[in-house]
Amino acid sequence: MGYLLILEAKRVDLKKPKKYSDLRKLKQDATGPLNPGENYYVHPLPLFPLKVKDKRYRYKEFHLDVYNLRCTCEDQIAKREEYQDRDIRKLCKHLYYKISSSWLKQYVDSLSLELLKNSVFFGPEHLYKYEYKKSLIILGFRSETEWVNVYAPNIHHPEEHKRYSFNPSTKRWSYNSKPEYGILFEDVIHRLIKNTLTFEHHGLKKGYLNG
């Protein structure tokens, strides 16, 4: 049985950094410290039907254009400067509440809704996308925590995606709940942390993952 979750990643030598005249070249350099790797993934929120296009909603004192994913709150205005198109990381809690608690929810799949909820309430993640046995797997990393989110098919309801959480430093799954083939994802997470992430994972800082 062949495994599809195989990474060929090389550690970047940061002792002799290259010089760049343009920041974009640094980000595009496959060997540079800012390149997130070939499996780096930006998850888009699905499009809503055209009948929503001209509708405007209010959430408290804020005005929402759900079709174009725009809110007048300061948080979302700032996010639009950093995240483009339909990237779930650009949404604020007001857009999330409107989408998740109304008829609009029917147009958002379980994976998108889970990724959106976690981005809004716990901060944007660095996502990595894989496919194993025809199943979509998303790994989510944040610089401020050791825990890694694994978005995988729910063991009990395979048609839906569920968020599992793994701590690579302690090799522990949250609530002892892990997805099918979880042992394979543990290895991929370890390799990503050591060779690919554009920030230093807490496990490396503490020396737990140097082996």
N, C-alpha and C. Protein backbone atom coordinates (compact mmCIF):
# COMPACT_ATOMS: atom_id res chain seq x y z
N MET A 1 0.85 -1.20 0.00
CA MET A 1 0.00 0.00 0.00
C MET A 1 0.89 1.25 0.00
N GLY A 2 0.70 2.14 -0.98
CA GLY A 2 1.56 3.32 -1.08
C GLY A 2 1.00 4.49 -0.31
N TYR A 3 1.86 5.24 0.34
CA TYR A 3 1.45 6.43 1.07
C TYR A 3 1.62 7.66 0.19
N LEU A 4 0.62 8.53 0.19
CA LEU A 4 0.69 9.77 -0.58
C LEU A 4 1.24 10.92 0.24
N LEU A 5 1.24 10.76 1.56
CA LEU A 5 1.68 11.84 2.44
C LEU A 5 3.18 11.79 2.63
N ILE A 6 3.92 12.14 1.59
CA ILE A 6 5.38 12.11 1.64
C ILE A 6 5.90 13.50 1.30
N LEU A 7 6.75 14.02 2.13
CA LEU A 7 7.31 15.35 1.91
C LEU A 7 8.78 15.27 1.60
N GLU A 8 9.20 16.04 0.61
CA GLU A 8 10.61 16.18 0.30
C GLU A 8 10.99 17.62 0.61
N ALA A 9 11.37 17.89 1.82
CA ALA A 9 11.67 19.26 2.23
C ALA A 9 13.08 19.36 2.76
N LYS A 10 13.72 20.47 2.45
CA LYS A 10 15.08 20.70 2.90
C LYS A 10 15.12 21.88 3.86
N ARG A 11 15.91 21.75 4.90
CA ARG A 11 16.05 22.85 5.86
C ARG A 11 16.84 23.98 5.23
N VAL A 12 16.37 25.20 5.49
CA VAL A 12 17.03 26.39 4.95
C VAL A 12 18.19 26.79 5.86
N ASP A 13 19.34 27.10 5.26
CA ASP A 13 20.49 27.55 6.03
C ASP A 13 20.36 29.05 6.27
N LEU A 14 19.95 29.42 7.48
CA LEU A 14 19.71 30.82 7.79
C LEU A 14 20.99 31.55 8.21
N LYS A 15 22.10 30.83 8.29
CA LYS A 15 23.35 31.46 8.70
C LYS A 15 23.91 32.35 7.59
N LYS A 16 23.56 32.03 6.35
CA LYS A 16 24.06 32.81 5.23
C LYS A 16 22.87 33.26 4.37
N PRO A 17 22.09 34.21 4.87
CA PRO A 17 20.90 34.64 4.13
C PRO A 17 21.26 35.35 2.83
N LYS A 18 20.43 35.12 1.81
CA LYS A 18 20.65 35.79 0.55
C LYS A 18 20.19 37.23 0.64
N LYS A 19 20.63 38.06 -0.30
CA LYS A 19 20.22 39.44 -0.34
C LYS A 19 19.23 39.62 -1.50
N TYR A 20 18.17 40.38 -1.25
CA TYR A 20 17.15 40.58 -2.26
C TYR A 20 16.87 42.08 -2.39
N SER A 21 16.63 42.51 -3.62
CA SER A 21 16.26 43.90 -3.87
C SER A 21 14.74 44.08 -3.83
N ASP A 22 14.01 42.96 -3.85
CA ASP A 22 12.56 42.98 -3.89
C ASP A 22 12.03 41.90 -2.96
N LEU A 23 11.14 42.28 -2.02
CA LEU A 23 10.60 41.33 -1.05
C LEU A 23 9.84 40.20 -1.75
N ARG A 24 9.23 40.50 -2.90
CA ARG A 24 8.48 39.48 -3.62
C ARG A 24 9.39 38.34 -4.08
N LYS A 25 10.62 38.66 -4.43
CA LYS A 25 11.57 37.63 -4.84
C LYS A 25 11.94 36.73 -3.67
N LEU A 26 12.02 37.32 -2.49
CA LEU A 26 12.32 36.53 -1.29
C LEU A 26 11.21 35.54 -1.02
N LYS A 27 9.95 35.99 -1.15
CA LYS A 27 8.82 35.11 -0.90
C LYS A 27 8.72 34.01 -1.95
N GLN A 28 9.16 34.29 -3.17
CA GLN A 28 9.05 33.32 -4.25
C GLN A 28 10.21 32.33 -4.29
N ASP A 29 11.26 32.62 -3.56
CA ASP A 29 12.43 31.75 -3.54
C ASP A 29 12.09 30.47 -2.79
N ALA A 30 12.13 29.34 -3.51
CA ALA A 30 11.76 28.06 -2.91
C ALA A 30 12.70 27.63 -1.80
N THR A 31 13.89 28.21 -1.74
CA THR A 31 14.86 27.86 -0.70
C THR A 31 14.93 28.93 0.39
N GLY A 32 14.13 29.98 0.26
CA GLY A 32 14.19 31.08 1.21
C GLY A 32 13.36 30.83 2.46
N PRO A 33 13.63 31.57 3.52
CA PRO A 33 12.95 31.35 4.81
C PRO A 33 11.50 31.79 4.83
N LEU A 34 11.04 32.58 3.83
CA LEU A 34 9.66 33.04 3.81
C LEU A 34 8.78 32.23 2.88
N ASN A 35 9.35 31.26 2.17
CA ASN A 35 8.53 30.44 1.29
C ASN A 35 7.83 29.37 2.11
N PRO A 36 6.50 29.31 2.08
CA PRO A 36 5.76 28.39 2.95
C PRO A 36 5.71 26.94 2.48
N GLY A 37 6.25 26.64 1.30
CA GLY A 37 6.27 25.26 0.83
C GLY A 37 5.17 24.97 -0.19
N GLU A 38 5.35 23.91 -0.95
CA GLU A 38 4.45 23.63 -2.07
C GLU A 38 3.05 23.21 -1.63
N ASN A 39 2.88 22.72 -0.44
CA ASN A 39 1.56 22.29 0.02
C ASN A 39 0.81 23.37 0.78
N TYR A 40 1.39 24.58 0.82
CA TYR A 40 0.73 25.68 1.51
C TYR A 40 -0.60 25.97 0.82
N TYR A 41 -1.62 26.28 1.61
CA TYR A 41 -2.97 26.33 1.06
C TYR A 41 -3.74 27.52 1.59
N VAL A 42 -4.46 28.17 0.69
CA VAL A 42 -5.37 29.26 1.05
C VAL A 42 -6.78 28.76 0.78
N HIS A 43 -7.61 28.70 1.80
CA HIS A 43 -8.95 28.15 1.63
C HIS A 43 -9.95 29.25 1.32
N PRO A 44 -10.65 29.16 0.19
CA PRO A 44 -11.64 30.18 -0.17
C PRO A 44 -13.03 29.83 0.35
N LEU A 45 -13.76 30.83 0.76
CA LEU A 45 -15.15 30.63 1.15
C LEU A 45 -15.98 30.47 -0.13
N PRO A 46 -16.88 29.49 -0.18
CA PRO A 46 -17.70 29.29 -1.39
C PRO A 46 -18.50 30.54 -1.74
N LEU A 47 -18.82 30.68 -3.02
CA LEU A 47 -19.62 31.81 -3.48
C LEU A 47 -21.07 31.66 -3.02
N PHE A 48 -21.69 32.80 -2.72
CA PHE A 48 -23.10 32.80 -2.38
C PHE A 48 -23.92 33.08 -3.65
N PRO A 49 -25.20 32.72 -3.67
CA PRO A 49 -26.01 32.95 -4.87
C PRO A 49 -26.15 34.44 -5.19
N LEU A 50 -26.42 34.73 -6.44
CA LEU A 50 -26.48 36.12 -6.90
C LEU A 50 -27.57 36.93 -6.20
N LYS A 51 -28.59 36.26 -5.69
CA LYS A 51 -29.66 36.99 -5.03
C LYS A 51 -29.19 37.70 -3.76
N VAL A 52 -28.00 37.36 -3.30
CA VAL A 52 -27.44 38.01 -2.11
C VAL A 52 -26.63 39.25 -2.49
N LYS A 53 -26.27 39.36 -3.75
CA LYS A 53 -25.31 40.38 -4.20
C LYS A 53 -25.70 41.80 -3.81
N ASP A 54 -26.96 42.14 -3.94
CA ASP A 54 -27.38 43.52 -3.67
C ASP A 54 -27.97 43.70 -2.27
N LYS A 55 -27.89 42.67 -1.46
CA LYS A 55 -28.42 42.77 -0.10
C LYS A 55 -27.36 43.32 0.86
N ARG A 56 -27.83 44.12 1.80
CA ARG A 56 -26.96 44.64 2.84
C ARG A 56 -27.59 44.32 4.20
N TYR A 57 -26.73 43.92 5.13
CA TYR A 57 -27.22 43.52 6.45
C TYR A 57 -26.57 44.40 7.51
N ARG A 58 -27.16 44.36 8.70
CA ARG A 58 -26.59 45.08 9.83
C ARG A 58 -26.37 44.11 10.98
N TYR A 59 -25.24 44.29 11.64
CA TYR A 59 -24.96 43.55 12.87
C TYR A 59 -24.53 44.59 13.89
N LYS A 60 -25.46 44.91 14.80
CA LYS A 60 -25.25 46.02 15.73
C LYS A 60 -25.02 47.29 14.92
N GLU A 61 -23.88 47.96 15.12
CA GLU A 61 -23.65 49.21 14.39
C GLU A 61 -22.90 49.02 13.08
N PHE A 62 -22.64 47.77 12.72
CA PHE A 62 -21.83 47.50 11.53
C PHE A 62 -22.69 47.11 10.33
N HIS A 63 -22.23 47.48 9.15
CA HIS A 63 -22.92 47.17 7.90
C HIS A 63 -22.15 46.05 7.19
N LEU A 64 -22.91 45.06 6.69
CA LEU A 64 -22.29 43.88 6.10
C LEU A 64 -22.72 43.69 4.64
N ASP A 65 -21.74 43.44 3.81
CA ASP A 65 -21.95 43.03 2.43
C ASP A 65 -21.45 41.59 2.35
N VAL A 66 -22.35 40.64 2.60
CA VAL A 66 -21.95 39.24 2.70
C VAL A 66 -21.43 38.70 1.38
N TYR A 67 -22.05 39.10 0.29
CA TYR A 67 -21.65 38.57 -1.02
C TYR A 67 -20.19 38.86 -1.31
N ASN A 68 -19.74 40.07 -0.99
CA ASN A 68 -18.35 40.47 -1.24
C ASN A 68 -17.47 40.34 -0.01
N LEU A 69 -18.00 39.75 1.07
CA LEU A 69 -17.26 39.51 2.31
C LEU A 69 -16.66 40.80 2.87
N ARG A 70 -17.52 41.78 3.07
CA ARG A 70 -17.07 43.06 3.58
C ARG A 70 -17.91 43.47 4.79
N CYS A 71 -17.21 44.01 5.79
CA CYS A 71 -17.86 44.55 6.99
C CYS A 71 -17.19 45.88 7.31
N THR A 72 -17.94 46.79 7.94
CA THR A 72 -17.38 48.11 8.23
C THR A 72 -16.59 48.16 9.53
N CYS A 73 -16.45 47.02 10.24
CA CYS A 73 -15.67 47.04 11.49
C CYS A 73 -14.19 47.18 11.19
N GLU A 74 -13.44 47.72 12.14
CA GLU A 74 -12.01 47.97 11.95
C GLU A 74 -11.22 46.68 11.73
N ASP A 75 -11.63 45.63 12.42
CA ASP A 75 -10.93 44.35 12.30
C ASP A 75 -10.97 43.84 10.87
N GLN A 76 -12.16 43.89 10.26
CA GLN A 76 -12.28 43.36 8.90
C GLN A 76 -11.63 44.27 7.87
N ILE A 77 -11.69 45.55 8.10
CA ILE A 77 -11.02 46.49 7.18
C ILE A 77 -9.52 46.20 7.16
N ALA A 78 -8.94 45.94 8.33
CA ALA A 78 -7.51 45.62 8.41
C ALA A 78 -7.21 44.28 7.75
N LYS A 79 -8.09 43.30 7.94
CA LYS A 79 -7.87 41.98 7.34
C LYS A 79 -7.91 42.03 5.82
N ARG A 80 -8.73 42.90 5.26
CA ARG A 80 -8.82 43.02 3.80
C ARG A 80 -7.52 43.52 3.20
N GLU A 81 -6.72 44.21 4.01
CA GLU A 81 -5.43 44.68 3.52
C GLU A 81 -4.43 43.53 3.41
N GLU A 82 -4.62 42.49 4.23
CA GLU A 82 -3.67 41.39 4.28
C GLU A 82 -4.11 40.18 3.48
N TYR A 83 -5.41 39.90 3.47
CA TYR A 83 -5.92 38.70 2.81
C TYR A 83 -6.81 39.08 1.64
N GLN A 84 -6.68 38.32 0.55
CA GLN A 84 -7.32 38.70 -0.70
C GLN A 84 -8.47 37.77 -1.07
N ASP A 85 -9.25 38.23 -2.07
CA ASP A 85 -10.32 37.44 -2.67
C ASP A 85 -11.27 36.86 -1.60
N ARG A 86 -11.47 35.52 -1.60
CA ARG A 86 -12.42 34.92 -0.67
C ARG A 86 -11.71 34.10 0.41
N ASP A 87 -10.49 34.46 0.68
CA ASP A 87 -9.70 33.83 1.75
C ASP A 87 -10.48 33.92 3.06
N ILE A 88 -10.72 32.77 3.71
CA ILE A 88 -11.52 32.77 4.94
C ILE A 88 -10.89 33.61 6.04
N ARG A 89 -9.59 33.84 5.97
CA ARG A 89 -8.90 34.60 7.01
C ARG A 89 -9.26 36.08 7.01
N LYS A 90 -9.93 36.55 5.97
CA LYS A 90 -10.28 37.96 5.91
C LYS A 90 -11.60 38.27 6.61
N LEU A 91 -12.33 37.24 7.03
CA LEU A 91 -13.64 37.47 7.64
C LEU A 91 -13.54 37.84 9.12
N CYS A 92 -14.47 38.62 9.56
CA CYS A 92 -14.56 39.01 10.98
C CYS A 92 -15.70 38.23 11.64
N LYS A 93 -15.85 38.42 12.95
CA LYS A 93 -16.88 37.67 13.68
C LYS A 93 -18.30 38.08 13.26
N HIS A 94 -18.46 39.32 12.80
CA HIS A 94 -19.79 39.77 12.39
C HIS A 94 -20.24 39.04 11.13
N LEU A 95 -19.34 38.88 10.17
CA LEU A 95 -19.66 38.12 8.96
C LEU A 95 -19.88 36.65 9.30
N TYR A 96 -19.06 36.13 10.20
CA TYR A 96 -19.22 34.73 10.60
C TYR A 96 -20.58 34.49 11.23
N TYR A 97 -20.98 35.34 12.18
CA TYR A 97 -22.27 35.17 12.84
C TYR A 97 -23.42 35.24 11.84
N LYS A 98 -23.34 36.17 10.90
CA LYS A 98 -24.41 36.32 9.92
C LYS A 98 -24.51 35.08 9.04
N ILE A 99 -23.38 34.56 8.61
CA ILE A 99 -23.37 33.40 7.72
C ILE A 99 -23.79 32.13 8.46
N SER A 100 -23.25 31.93 9.65
CA SER A 100 -23.47 30.66 10.36
C SER A 100 -24.83 30.56 11.04
N SER A 101 -25.51 31.67 11.24
CA SER A 101 -26.79 31.64 11.97
C SER A 101 -27.98 32.01 11.09
N SER A 102 -27.80 31.96 9.78
CA SER A 102 -28.89 32.31 8.88
C SER A 102 -29.01 31.28 7.75
N TRP A 103 -29.91 31.51 6.84
CA TRP A 103 -30.12 30.61 5.70
C TRP A 103 -28.88 30.52 4.81
N LEU A 104 -27.95 31.46 4.95
CA LEU A 104 -26.73 31.44 4.14
C LEU A 104 -25.84 30.24 4.46
N LYS A 105 -26.04 29.68 5.64
CA LYS A 105 -25.20 28.55 6.09
C LYS A 105 -25.30 27.36 5.15
N GLN A 106 -26.41 27.20 4.47
CA GLN A 106 -26.60 26.05 3.59
C GLN A 106 -25.65 26.06 2.40
N TYR A 107 -25.04 27.21 2.13
CA TYR A 107 -24.12 27.32 1.00
C TYR A 107 -22.66 27.14 1.40
N VAL A 108 -22.45 26.83 2.68
CA VAL A 108 -21.08 26.66 3.17
C VAL A 108 -20.89 25.22 3.65
N ASP A 109 -19.92 24.52 3.09
CA ASP A 109 -19.66 23.14 3.47
C ASP A 109 -19.06 23.07 4.87
N SER A 110 -19.07 21.87 5.46
CA SER A 110 -18.64 21.69 6.85
C SER A 110 -17.17 22.05 7.05
N LEU A 111 -16.32 21.75 6.07
CA LEU A 111 -14.90 22.08 6.20
C LEU A 111 -14.70 23.59 6.22
N SER A 112 -15.33 24.29 5.28
CA SER A 112 -15.20 25.75 5.22
C SER A 112 -15.71 26.41 6.50
N LEU A 113 -16.81 25.91 7.02
CA LEU A 113 -17.40 26.49 8.22
C LEU A 113 -16.48 26.27 9.43
N GLU A 114 -15.87 25.10 9.51
CA GLU A 114 -14.96 24.80 10.63
C GLU A 114 -13.70 25.65 10.54
N LEU A 115 -13.13 25.77 9.35
CA LEU A 115 -11.94 26.60 9.15
C LEU A 115 -12.24 28.07 9.45
N LEU A 116 -13.40 28.51 9.01
CA LEU A 116 -13.80 29.90 9.23
C LEU A 116 -13.97 30.19 10.72
N LYS A 117 -14.67 29.31 11.42
CA LYS A 117 -14.92 29.50 12.86
C LYS A 117 -13.61 29.59 13.63
N ASN A 118 -12.69 28.70 13.34
CA ASN A 118 -11.42 28.70 14.07
C ASN A 118 -10.56 29.91 13.73
N SER A 119 -10.64 30.37 12.49
CA SER A 119 -9.88 31.55 12.10
C SER A 119 -10.41 32.79 12.81
N VAL A 120 -11.72 32.91 12.89
CA VAL A 120 -12.35 34.08 13.50
C VAL A 120 -12.09 34.16 15.00
N PHE A 121 -12.22 33.03 15.70
CA PHE A 121 -12.16 33.06 17.16
C PHE A 121 -10.77 32.76 17.75
N PHE A 122 -9.91 32.12 16.99
CA PHE A 122 -8.59 31.77 17.52
C PHE A 122 -7.43 32.33 16.71
N GLY A 123 -7.72 33.04 15.62
CA GLY A 123 -6.68 33.65 14.82
C GLY A 123 -6.38 32.85 13.56
N PRO A 124 -5.89 33.53 12.52
CA PRO A 124 -5.60 32.88 11.24
C PRO A 124 -4.57 31.76 11.38
N GLU A 125 -4.70 30.75 10.55
CA GLU A 125 -3.78 29.62 10.56
C GLU A 125 -2.97 29.57 9.27
N HIS A 126 -1.79 28.95 9.36
CA HIS A 126 -1.02 28.59 8.18
C HIS A 126 -1.50 27.20 7.78
N LEU A 127 -2.17 27.11 6.65
CA LEU A 127 -2.79 25.86 6.24
C LEU A 127 -1.95 25.10 5.22
N TYR A 128 -1.96 23.77 5.34
CA TYR A 128 -1.29 22.88 4.39
C TYR A 128 -2.27 21.81 3.97
N LYS A 129 -2.36 21.58 2.67
CA LYS A 129 -3.38 20.71 2.11
C LYS A 129 -2.77 19.42 1.55
N TYR A 130 -3.43 18.29 1.87
CA TYR A 130 -2.99 16.98 1.37
C TYR A 130 -4.22 16.15 1.00
N GLU A 131 -3.96 15.11 0.24
CA GLU A 131 -5.02 14.16 -0.08
C GLU A 131 -4.52 12.76 0.21
N TYR A 132 -5.32 12.01 0.95
CA TYR A 132 -4.95 10.63 1.28
C TYR A 132 -6.18 9.75 1.12
N LYS A 133 -6.03 8.69 0.32
CA LYS A 133 -7.15 7.78 0.04
C LYS A 133 -8.39 8.56 -0.38
N LYS A 134 -8.17 9.54 -1.27
CA LYS A 134 -9.22 10.38 -1.85
C LYS A 134 -9.91 11.27 -0.82
N SER A 135 -9.32 11.43 0.34
CA SER A 135 -9.87 12.31 1.38
C SER A 135 -9.02 13.56 1.51
N LEU A 136 -9.67 14.70 1.62
CA LEU A 136 -8.98 15.98 1.78
C LEU A 136 -8.58 16.17 3.24
N ILE A 137 -7.30 16.47 3.47
CA ILE A 137 -6.78 16.69 4.82
C ILE A 137 -6.13 18.07 4.87
N ILE A 138 -6.51 18.88 5.86
CA ILE A 138 -5.91 20.20 6.04
C ILE A 138 -5.23 20.25 7.40
N LEU A 139 -3.98 20.72 7.41
CA LEU A 139 -3.23 20.90 8.66
C LEU A 139 -3.12 22.40 8.93
N GLY A 140 -3.48 22.81 10.14
CA GLY A 140 -3.44 24.23 10.49
C GLY A 140 -2.48 24.55 11.61
N PHE A 141 -1.55 25.47 11.35
CA PHE A 141 -0.53 25.85 12.34
C PHE A 141 -0.69 27.33 12.72
N ARG A 142 -0.40 27.62 14.00
CA ARG A 142 -0.33 29.00 14.47
C ARG A 142 0.99 29.19 15.21
N SER A 143 1.57 30.36 15.08
CA SER A 143 2.90 30.60 15.65
C SER A 143 2.88 30.67 17.17
N GLU A 144 1.71 30.97 17.76
CA GLU A 144 1.66 31.20 19.20
C GLU A 144 1.27 29.96 20.01
N THR A 145 1.09 28.83 19.36
CA THR A 145 0.69 27.63 20.09
C THR A 145 1.39 26.39 19.56
N GLU A 146 1.54 25.39 20.43
CA GLU A 146 2.14 24.12 20.02
C GLU A 146 1.14 23.24 19.28
N TRP A 147 -0.14 23.44 19.56
CA TRP A 147 -1.17 22.57 18.99
C TRP A 147 -1.34 22.79 17.50
N VAL A 148 -1.56 21.71 16.80
CA VAL A 148 -1.79 21.74 15.35
C VAL A 148 -3.18 21.19 15.08
N ASN A 149 -3.97 21.90 14.31
CA ASN A 149 -5.30 21.42 13.98
C ASN A 149 -5.25 20.53 12.74
N VAL A 150 -5.95 19.43 12.81
CA VAL A 150 -6.04 18.50 11.68
C VAL A 150 -7.51 18.43 11.27
N TYR A 151 -7.80 18.97 10.10
CA TYR A 151 -9.16 18.95 9.58
C TYR A 151 -9.28 17.75 8.65
N ALA A 152 -10.05 16.75 9.09
CA ALA A 152 -10.13 15.48 8.38
C ALA A 152 -11.56 14.96 8.43
N PRO A 153 -11.90 13.99 7.59
CA PRO A 153 -13.24 13.41 7.64
C PRO A 153 -13.55 12.87 9.03
N ASN A 154 -14.76 13.14 9.50
CA ASN A 154 -15.22 12.65 10.79
C ASN A 154 -15.34 11.12 10.74
N ILE A 155 -14.71 10.45 11.67
CA ILE A 155 -14.73 8.99 11.69
C ILE A 155 -16.17 8.46 11.71
N HIS A 156 -17.04 9.14 12.44
CA HIS A 156 -18.42 8.68 12.59
C HIS A 156 -19.34 9.18 11.48
N HIS A 157 -18.94 10.28 10.83
CA HIS A 157 -19.72 10.84 9.72
C HIS A 157 -18.73 11.27 8.62
N PRO A 158 -18.23 10.33 7.83
CA PRO A 158 -17.17 10.59 6.85
C PRO A 158 -17.51 11.66 5.82
N GLU A 159 -18.80 11.93 5.62
CA GLU A 159 -19.19 12.95 4.65
C GLU A 159 -18.94 14.36 5.18
N GLU A 160 -18.63 14.49 6.46
CA GLU A 160 -18.36 15.77 7.07
C GLU A 160 -16.91 15.85 7.56
N HIS A 161 -16.38 17.07 7.60
CA HIS A 161 -15.04 17.28 8.14
C HIS A 161 -15.12 17.70 9.61
N LYS A 162 -14.15 17.25 10.37
CA LYS A 162 -14.09 17.57 11.79
C LYS A 162 -12.69 18.08 12.13
N ARG A 163 -12.62 18.95 13.12
CA ARG A 163 -11.31 19.45 13.57
C ARG A 163 -10.80 18.57 14.71
N TYR A 164 -9.62 17.98 14.48
CA TYR A 164 -8.90 17.26 15.52
C TYR A 164 -7.67 18.10 15.87
N SER A 165 -7.15 17.97 17.09
CA SER A 165 -5.99 18.76 17.49
C SER A 165 -4.89 17.85 18.03
N PHE A 166 -3.67 18.11 17.57
CA PHE A 166 -2.53 17.27 17.94
C PHE A 166 -1.40 18.15 18.47
N ASN A 167 -0.79 17.71 19.58
CA ASN A 167 0.37 18.40 20.14
C ASN A 167 1.61 17.58 19.82
N PRO A 168 2.43 18.02 18.86
CA PRO A 168 3.61 17.24 18.47
C PRO A 168 4.69 17.17 19.54
N SER A 169 4.68 18.09 20.48
CA SER A 169 5.68 18.08 21.55
C SER A 169 5.42 16.95 22.54
N THR A 170 4.16 16.74 22.86
CA THR A 170 3.79 15.69 23.81
C THR A 170 3.25 14.44 23.12
N LYS A 171 3.11 14.54 21.77
CA LYS A 171 2.57 13.43 20.97
C LYS A 171 1.19 13.02 21.48
N ARG A 172 0.35 14.02 21.75
CA ARG A 172 -0.96 13.77 22.33
C ARG A 172 -2.06 14.39 21.48
N TRP A 173 -3.13 13.63 21.27
CA TRP A 173 -4.31 14.14 20.59
C TRP A 173 -5.29 14.66 21.64
N SER A 174 -5.88 15.81 21.38
CA SER A 174 -6.81 16.43 22.32
C SER A 174 -8.00 15.49 22.58
N TYR A 175 -8.31 15.29 23.85
CA TYR A 175 -9.40 14.42 24.29
C TYR A 175 -9.23 12.99 23.76
N ASN A 176 -8.01 12.65 23.41
CA ASN A 176 -7.69 11.31 22.90
C ASN A 176 -8.51 10.98 21.65
N SER A 177 -8.89 12.02 20.93
CA SER A 177 -9.68 11.85 19.71
C SER A 177 -8.81 12.14 18.50
N LYS A 178 -8.64 11.17 17.61
CA LYS A 178 -7.81 11.37 16.44
C LYS A 178 -8.48 10.80 15.20
N PRO A 179 -8.14 11.35 14.03
CA PRO A 179 -8.77 10.90 12.80
C PRO A 179 -8.21 9.56 12.34
N GLU A 180 -8.87 8.97 11.37
CA GLU A 180 -8.36 7.75 10.77
C GLU A 180 -7.00 8.05 10.14
N TYR A 181 -6.06 7.12 10.26
CA TYR A 181 -4.69 7.29 9.75
C TYR A 181 -3.96 8.42 10.47
N GLY A 182 -4.35 8.70 11.72
CA GLY A 182 -3.73 9.78 12.48
C GLY A 182 -2.22 9.64 12.62
N ILE A 183 -1.70 8.42 12.68
CA ILE A 183 -0.27 8.20 12.85
C ILE A 183 0.51 8.75 11.65
N LEU A 184 -0.09 8.71 10.47
CA LEU A 184 0.57 9.26 9.28
C LEU A 184 0.65 10.78 9.37
N PHE A 185 -0.43 11.41 9.84
CA PHE A 185 -0.45 12.85 9.95
C PHE A 185 0.55 13.35 10.99
N GLU A 186 0.78 12.57 12.02
CA GLU A 186 1.77 12.94 13.04
C GLU A 186 3.15 13.09 12.39
N ASP A 187 3.48 12.19 11.50
CA ASP A 187 4.78 12.24 10.83
C ASP A 187 4.87 13.45 9.90
N VAL A 188 3.80 13.72 9.17
CA VAL A 188 3.78 14.88 8.26
C VAL A 188 3.91 16.17 9.06
N ILE A 189 3.22 16.28 10.17
CA ILE A 189 3.30 17.47 11.03
C ILE A 189 4.73 17.68 11.50
N HIS A 190 5.37 16.61 11.94
CA HIS A 190 6.74 16.70 12.43
C HIS A 190 7.67 17.21 11.33
N ARG A 191 7.52 16.71 10.11
CA ARG A 191 8.37 17.14 9.00
C ARG A 191 8.13 18.60 8.63
N LEU A 192 6.86 19.00 8.63
CA LEU A 192 6.54 20.38 8.31
C LEU A 192 7.17 21.34 9.31
N ILE A 193 7.06 21.01 10.58
CA ILE A 193 7.62 21.86 11.62
C ILE A 193 9.14 22.00 11.48
N LYS A 194 9.81 20.91 11.18
CA LYS A 194 11.27 20.93 11.11
C LYS A 194 11.80 21.54 9.82
N ASN A 195 11.05 21.42 8.72
CA ASN A 195 11.62 21.77 7.42
C ASN A 195 10.90 22.84 6.62
N THR A 196 9.66 23.16 6.96
CA THR A 196 8.87 23.99 6.05
C THR A 196 8.31 25.27 6.63
N LEU A 197 7.83 25.26 7.87
CA LEU A 197 7.17 26.43 8.43
C LEU A 197 8.05 27.68 8.34
N THR A 198 7.40 28.83 8.10
CA THR A 198 8.14 30.09 8.00
C THR A 198 8.34 30.73 9.37
N PHE A 199 7.93 30.06 10.43
CA PHE A 199 8.17 30.53 11.79
C PHE A 199 8.64 29.34 12.62
N GLU A 200 9.25 29.63 13.77
CA GLU A 200 9.76 28.56 14.62
C GLU A 200 8.67 28.05 15.56
N HIS A 201 8.32 26.82 15.41
CA HIS A 201 7.30 26.20 16.25
C HIS A 201 7.78 26.11 17.69
N HIS A 202 6.85 26.21 18.64
CA HIS A 202 7.21 26.17 20.06
C HIS A 202 7.93 24.88 20.43
N GLY A 203 7.59 23.78 19.77
CA GLY A 203 8.25 22.51 20.05
C GLY A 203 9.73 22.56 19.74
N LEU A 204 10.09 23.29 18.68
CA LEU A 204 11.50 23.45 18.34
C LEU A 204 12.20 24.36 19.33
N LYS A 205 11.50 25.42 19.73
CA LYS A 205 12.09 26.37 20.68
C LYS A 205 12.43 25.68 21.99
N LYS A 206 11.55 24.76 22.40
CA LYS A 206 11.76 24.08 23.68
C LYS A 206 12.63 22.83 23.53
N GLY A 207 13.01 22.50 22.31
CA GLY A 207 13.87 21.36 22.08
C GLY A 207 13.19 20.01 22.03
N TYR A 208 11.84 20.01 22.02
CA TYR A 208 11.11 18.75 22.01
C TYR A 208 11.18 18.03 20.67
N LEU A 209 11.38 18.77 19.59
CA LEU A 209 11.26 18.19 18.25
C LEU A 209 12.58 18.23 17.48
N ASN A 210 13.68 18.30 18.19
CA ASN A 210 14.98 18.39 17.51
C ASN A 210 15.51 17.04 17.06
N GLY A 211 14.91 15.98 17.56
CA GLY A 211 15.39 14.64 17.23
C GLY A 211 14.91 14.16 15.89
